[in-house]
C-alpha atoms as a PDB file:
ATOM      1  CA  LEU A   1     129.527  93.473 186.573  1.00  0.00           C
ATOM      2  CA  THR A   2     127.701  93.838 189.788  1.00  0.00           C
ATOM      3  CA  TRP A   3     124.209  94.333 191.197  1.00  0.00           C
ATOM      4  CA  ARG A   4     122.263  95.656 193.943  1.00  0.00           C
ATOM      5  CA  LEU A   5     118.754  95.363 194.245  1.00  0.00           C
ATOM      6  CA  GLY A   6     116.156  96.813 196.794  1.00  0.00           C
ATOM      7  CA  ARG A   7     115.062  93.806 199.297  1.00  0.00           C
ATOM      8  CA  SER A   8     111.530  93.990 197.924  1.00  0.00           C
ATOM      9  CA  TYR A   9     113.075  92.411 194.395  1.00  0.00           C
ATOM     10  CA  TRP A  10     115.223  89.761 195.675  1.00  0.00           C
ATOM     11  CA  GLY A  11     114.381  86.346 194.486  1.00  0.00           C
ATOM     12  CA  GLU A  12     112.378  87.697 191.342  1.00  0.00           C
ATOM     13  CA  ARG A  13     115.246  86.970 189.052  1.00  0.00           C
ATOM     14  CA  TYR A  14     115.715  90.349 188.166  1.00  0.00           C
ATOM     15  CA  GLY A  15     119.677  89.972 189.287  1.00  0.00           C
ATOM     16  CA  THR A  16     120.017  87.291 186.881  1.00  0.00           C
ATOM     17  CA  GLU A  17     118.137  88.469 183.989  1.00  0.00           C
ATOM     18  CA  ALA A  18     120.129  91.640 184.134  1.00  0.00           C
ATOM     19  CA  ALA A  19     123.404  90.063 184.516  1.00  0.00           C
ATOM     20  CA  GLU A  20     122.777  87.674 181.558  1.00  0.00           C
ATOM     21  CA  ALA A  21     121.918  90.538 179.552  1.00  0.00           C
ATOM     22  CA  VAL A  22     125.172  92.356 180.648  1.00  0.00           C
ATOM     23  CA  LEU A  23     127.092  89.594 179.527  1.00  0.00           C
ATOM     24  CA  ALA A  24     125.449  88.970 176.313  1.00  0.00           C
ATOM     25  CA  PHE A  25     125.678  92.760 175.720  1.00  0.00           C
ATOM     26  CA  GLY A  26     129.383  93.294 176.609  1.00  0.00           C
ATOM     27  CA  PHE A  27     130.469  90.122 174.316  1.00  0.00           C
ATOM     28  CA  ARG A  28     128.093  90.435 171.413  1.00  0.00           C
ATOM     29  CA  ASN A  29     127.933  94.170 171.190  1.00  0.00           C
ATOM     30  CA  ARG A  30     130.842  95.466 172.612  1.00  0.00           C
ATOM     31  CA  GLY A  31     133.555  93.049 171.824  1.00  0.00           C
ATOM     32  CA  LEU A  32     134.892  92.808 175.471  1.00  0.00           C
ATOM     33  CA  PRO A  33     137.317  90.151 175.711  1.00  0.00           C
ATOM     34  CA  GLU A  34     136.562  89.371 179.283  1.00  0.00           C
ATOM     35  CA  ILE A  35     134.101  90.594 182.119  1.00  0.00           C
ATOM     36  CA  VAL A  36     134.785  90.250 185.686  1.00  0.00           C
ATOM     37  CA  SER A  37     132.171  90.264 188.612  1.00  0.00           C
ATOM     38  CA  VAL A  38     133.071  90.979 192.365  1.00  0.00           C
ATOM     39  CA  VAL A  39     130.813  89.378 195.114  1.00  0.00           C
ATOM     40  CA  GLN A  40     131.075  90.065 198.893  1.00  0.00           C
ATOM     41  CA  ASN A  41     131.838  86.670 200.787  1.00  0.00           C
ATOM     42  CA  GLY A  42     128.741  85.620 202.325  1.00  0.00           C
ATOM     43  CA  ASP A  43     126.200  87.132 199.819  1.00  0.00           C
ATOM     44  CA  ASP A  44     124.966  83.551 199.025  1.00  0.00           C
ATOM     45  CA  ALA A  45     122.333  85.000 196.663  1.00  0.00           C
ATOM     46  CA  SER A  46     124.784  86.734 194.306  1.00  0.00           C
ATOM     47  CA  GLU A  47     126.886  83.594 194.286  1.00  0.00           C
ATOM     48  CA  ASN A  48     124.144  81.539 193.222  1.00  0.00           C
ATOM     49  CA  ILE A  49     123.626  84.127 190.430  1.00  0.00           C
ATOM     50  CA  ILE A  50     127.379  83.704 189.515  1.00  0.00           C
ATOM     51  CA  ASP A  51     126.753  80.086 189.483  1.00  0.00           C
ATOM     52  CA  LYS A  52     123.792  80.182 186.960  1.00  0.00           C
ATOM     53  CA  LEU A  53     125.873  82.473 184.826  1.00  0.00           C
ATOM     54  CA  GLY A  54     128.689  80.085 184.676  1.00  0.00           C
ATOM     55  CA  MET A  55     131.418  82.341 185.627  1.00  0.00           C
ATOM     56  CA  ARG A  56     134.628  80.905 187.209  1.00  0.00           C
ATOM     57  CA  TRP A  57     136.268  81.660 190.483  1.00  0.00           C
ATOM     58  CA  VAL A  58     139.454  83.497 189.768  1.00  0.00           C
ATOM     59  CA  ARG A  59     140.447  84.572 193.544  1.00  0.00           C
ATOM     60  CA  GLU A  60     139.506  86.083 196.819  1.00  0.00           C
ATOM     61  CA  THR A  61     140.787  89.732 197.983  1.00  0.00           C
ATOM     62  CA  VAL A  62     140.038  92.618 199.773  1.00  0.00           C
ATOM     63  CA  ASP A  63     137.548  95.515 198.772  1.00  0.00           C
ATOM     64  CA  PRO A  64     139.759  98.646 199.228  1.00  0.00           C
ATOM     65  CA  THR A  65     136.919 100.919 199.914  1.00  0.00           C
ATOM     66  CA  CYS A  66     135.427  98.941 202.690  1.00  0.00           C
ATOM     67  CA  GLY A  67     137.979  96.365 203.794  1.00  0.00           C
ATOM     68  CA  ARG A  68     135.677  93.600 203.233  1.00  0.00           C
ATOM     69  CA  PRO A  69     136.644  90.301 201.539  1.00  0.00           C
ATOM     70  CA  VAL A  70     135.392  89.520 198.359  1.00  0.00           C
ATOM     71  CA  ASN A  71     135.371  87.014 195.520  1.00  0.00           C
ATOM     72  CA  VAL A  72     136.395  87.994 191.935  1.00  0.00           C
ATOM     73  CA  TYR A  73     134.876  85.949 189.118  1.00  0.00           C
ATOM     74  CA  ALA A  74     135.417  86.260 185.521  1.00  0.00           C
ATOM     75  CA  MET A  75     134.094  85.012 182.046  1.00  0.00           C
ATOM     76  CA  THR A  76     135.897  85.323 178.714  1.00  0.00           C
ATOM     77  CA  LYS A  77     134.356  85.576 175.424  1.00  0.00           C
ATOM     78  CA  VAL A  78     135.419  82.147 174.377  1.00  0.00           C
ATOM     79  CA  GLU A  79     133.759  80.770 177.777  1.00  0.00           C
ATOM     80  CA  PHE A  80     130.479  82.674 176.880  1.00  0.00           C
ATOM     81  CA  GLU A  81     130.154  81.451 173.393  1.00  0.00           C
ATOM     82  CA  GLN A  82     131.002  77.792 174.469  1.00  0.00           C
ATOM     83  CA  MET A  83     128.435  78.175 177.341  1.00  0.00           C
ATOM     84  CA  GLU A  84     126.198  79.558 174.392  1.00  0.00           C
ATOM     85  CA  ALA A  85     126.545  76.353 172.251  1.00  0.00           C
ATOM     86  CA  GLY A  86     126.382  74.071 174.966  1.00  0.00           C
ATOM     87  CA  GLU A  87     129.932  72.632 175.216  1.00  0.00           C
END
């Protein structure tokens, strides 16, 4: 799960809404056991979306395509269902 929006669309909730829809589709319609997201360090707006989604931090690593440090987050289907149930 990742996103990229043009600057003129930042702060309009498009990233959050799209990410929420992807999580719901992946878990409900595709039965995925886990969804992972990778965010570049220092991307505070994306980190805020991750927080809103309720994904958990897994580890820090380096993107092999560009050498930048990134944070890896994940959410399991069980975690998604618990979040939806308000647990």
